[in-house]
Every structure is written in C-alpha cells, then in structure tokens.
Amino acid sequence: SEIGGEQNSTIVFPLPLDVITPFMKLAKKD
C-alpha cells in the first residue's frame, strides 16, 4: 500500500510539472 502510494506520486508529479513549466515561463516573460 505504501509503495503503491509513493509510485502514484511519482507518476503524477512529472505531468503537472510539464504543465506548470510553460506557465512559469509565461509568468517570467511577463
């Protein structure tokens, strides 16, 4: 159960990061 939860976090982390990266770049450009 613990390992599954950790793996889920690892799989969900890269997705949002990829979506937040462009937002951060836009905010910096502004």
PDB file of N, CA and C in Angstrom:
ATOM      1  N   SER A   1       0.859  -1.206   0.000  1.00  0.00           N
ATOM      2  CA  SER A   1       0.000   0.000   0.000  1.00  0.00           C
ATOM      3  C   SER A   1       0.889   1.248   0.000  1.00  0.00           C
ATOM      4  N   GLU A   2       1.909   1.224   0.851  1.00  0.00           N
ATOM      5  CA  GLU A   2       2.780   2.417   0.920  1.00  0.00           C
ATOM      6  C   GLU A   2       3.538   2.614  -0.394  1.00  0.00           C
ATOM      7  N   ILE A   3       4.056   1.488  -0.920  1.00  0.00           N
ATOM      8  CA  ILE A   3       4.827   1.586  -2.174  1.00  0.00           C
ATOM      9  C   ILE A   3       3.919   2.090  -3.300  1.00  0.00           C
ATOM     10  N   GLY A   4       2.694   1.585  -3.340  1.00  0.00           N
ATOM     11  CA  GLY A   4       1.762   1.996  -4.408  1.00  0.00           C
ATOM     12  C   GLY A   4       1.499   3.496  -4.325  1.00  0.00           C
ATOM     13  N   GLY A   5       1.308   4.011  -3.113  1.00  0.00           N
ATOM     14  CA  GLY A   5       1.056   5.449  -2.954  1.00  0.00           C
ATOM     15  C   GLY A   5       2.254   6.260  -3.422  1.00  0.00           C
ATOM     16  N   GLU A   6       3.438   5.790  -3.079  1.00  0.00           N
ATOM     17  CA  GLU A   6       4.642   6.546  -3.490  1.00  0.00           C
ATOM     18  C   GLU A   6       4.779   6.541  -5.010  1.00  0.00           C
ATOM     19  N   GLN A   7       4.528   5.381  -5.602  1.00  0.00           N
ATOM     20  CA  GLN A   7       4.653   5.273  -7.068  1.00  0.00           C
ATOM     21  C   GLN A   7       3.638   6.210  -7.734  1.00  0.00           C
ATOM     22  N   ASN A   8       2.458   6.283  -7.157  1.00  0.00           N
ATOM     23  CA  ASN A   8       1.415   7.136  -7.738  1.00  0.00           C
ATOM     24  C   ASN A   8       1.901   8.586  -7.733  1.00  0.00           C
ATOM     25  N   SER A   9       2.523   8.998  -6.640  1.00  0.00           N
ATOM     26  CA  SER A   9       3.018  10.382  -6.530  1.00  0.00           C
ATOM     27  C   SER A   9       4.080  10.635  -7.601  1.00  0.00           C
ATOM     28  N   THR A  10       4.921   9.631  -7.827  1.00  0.00           N
ATOM     29  CA  THR A  10       5.994   9.798  -8.818  1.00  0.00           C
ATOM     30  C   THR A  10       5.423   9.919 -10.222  1.00  0.00           C
ATOM     31  N   ILE A  11       4.322   9.213 -10.470  1.00  0.00           N
ATOM     32  CA  ILE A  11       3.731   9.238 -11.827  1.00  0.00           C
ATOM     33  C   ILE A  11       2.928  10.532 -12.014  1.00  0.00           C
ATOM     34  N   VAL A  12       2.389  11.059 -10.927  1.00  0.00           N
ATOM     35  CA  VAL A  12       1.540  12.264 -11.038  1.00  0.00           C
ATOM     36  C   VAL A  12       2.412  13.524 -11.013  1.00  0.00           C
ATOM     37  N   PHE A  13       3.628  13.414 -10.516  1.00  0.00           N
ATOM     38  CA  PHE A  13       4.490  14.601 -10.383  1.00  0.00           C
ATOM     39  C   PHE A  13       4.910  15.162 -11.742  1.00  0.00           C
ATOM     40  N   PRO A  14       5.484  14.322 -12.613  1.00  0.00           N
ATOM     41  CA  PRO A  14       6.005  14.812 -13.902  1.00  0.00           C
ATOM     42  C   PRO A  14       4.912  15.461 -14.752  1.00  0.00           C
ATOM     43  N   LEU A  15       3.693  14.943 -14.667  1.00  0.00           N
ATOM     44  CA  LEU A  15       2.616  15.509 -15.505  1.00  0.00           C
ATOM     45  C   LEU A  15       2.373  16.981 -15.162  1.00  0.00           C
ATOM     46  N   PRO A  16       2.017  17.293 -13.910  1.00  0.00           N
ATOM     47  CA  PRO A  16       1.770  18.695 -13.528  1.00  0.00           C
ATOM     48  C   PRO A  16       3.000  19.561 -13.781  1.00  0.00           C
ATOM     49  N   LEU A  17       4.177  19.008 -13.545  1.00  0.00           N
ATOM     50  CA  LEU A  17       5.403  19.793 -13.755  1.00  0.00           C
ATOM     51  C   LEU A  17       5.476  20.255 -15.202  1.00  0.00           C
ATOM     52  N   ASP A  18       5.168  19.347 -16.124  1.00  0.00           N
ATOM     53  CA  ASP A  18       5.213  19.690 -17.556  1.00  0.00           C
ATOM     54  C   ASP A  18       4.182  20.763 -17.873  1.00  0.00           C
ATOM     55  N   VAL A  19       3.087  20.755 -17.139  1.00  0.00           N
ATOM     56  CA  VAL A  19       2.020  21.742 -17.402  1.00  0.00           C
ATOM     57  C   VAL A  19       2.339  23.069 -16.712  1.00  0.00           C
ATOM     58  N   ILE A  20       3.085  23.004 -15.617  1.00  0.00           N
ATOM     59  CA  ILE A  20       3.414  24.240 -14.868  1.00  0.00           C
ATOM     60  C   ILE A  20       4.630  24.932 -15.477  1.00  0.00           C
ATOM     61  N   THR A  21       5.525  24.163 -16.095  1.00  0.00           N
ATOM     62  CA  THR A  21       6.743  24.754 -16.679  1.00  0.00           C
ATOM     63  C   THR A  21       6.407  25.898 -17.632  1.00  0.00           C
ATOM     64  N   PRO A  22       5.534  25.674 -18.610  1.00  0.00           N
ATOM     65  CA  PRO A  22       5.180  26.745 -19.563  1.00  0.00           C
ATOM     66  C   PRO A  22       4.556  27.927 -18.839  1.00  0.00           C
ATOM     67  N   PHE A  23       3.765  27.648 -17.822  1.00  0.00           N
ATOM     68  CA  PHE A  23       3.135  28.750 -17.066  1.00  0.00           C
ATOM     69  C   PHE A  23       4.196  29.605 -16.387  1.00  0.00           C
ATOM     70  N   MET A  24       5.193  28.944 -15.800  1.00  0.00           N
ATOM     71  CA  MET A  24       6.276  29.677 -15.114  1.00  0.00           C
ATOM     72  C   MET A  24       7.033  30.534 -16.126  1.00  0.00           C
ATOM     73  N   LYS A  25       7.273  29.988 -17.306  1.00  0.00           N
ATOM     74  CA  LYS A  25       7.997  30.738 -18.353  1.00  0.00           C
ATOM     75  C   LYS A  25       7.176  31.960 -18.759  1.00  0.00           C
ATOM     76  N   LEU A  26       5.878  31.769 -18.891  1.00  0.00           N
ATOM     77  CA  LEU A  26       5.000  32.888 -19.280  1.00  0.00           C
ATOM     78  C   LEU A  26       5.042  33.965 -18.189  1.00  0.00           C
ATOM     79  N   ALA A  27       4.963  33.542 -16.945  1.00  0.00           N
ATOM     80  CA  ALA A  27       4.966  34.498 -15.827  1.00  0.00           C
ATOM     81  C   ALA A  27       6.305  35.241 -15.795  1.00  0.00           C
ATOM     82  N   LYS A  28       7.387  34.554 -16.097  1.00  0.00           N
ATOM     83  CA  LYS A  28       8.711  35.200 -16.079  1.00  0.00           C
ATOM     84  C   LYS A  28       8.810  36.196 -17.236  1.00  0.00           C
ATOM     85  N   LYS A  29       8.260  35.813 -18.384  1.00  0.00           N
ATOM     86  CA  LYS A  29       8.318  36.695 -19.560  1.00  0.00           C
ATOM     87  C   LYS A  29       7.537  37.981 -19.277  1.00  0.00           C
ATOM     88  N   ASP A  30       6.391  37.799 -18.593  1.00  0.00           N
ATOM     89  CA  ASP A  30       5.573  38.953 -18.262  1.00  0.00           C
ATOM     90  C   ASP A  30       6.380  39.817 -17.308  1.00  0.00           C
TER      91      ASP A  30
END
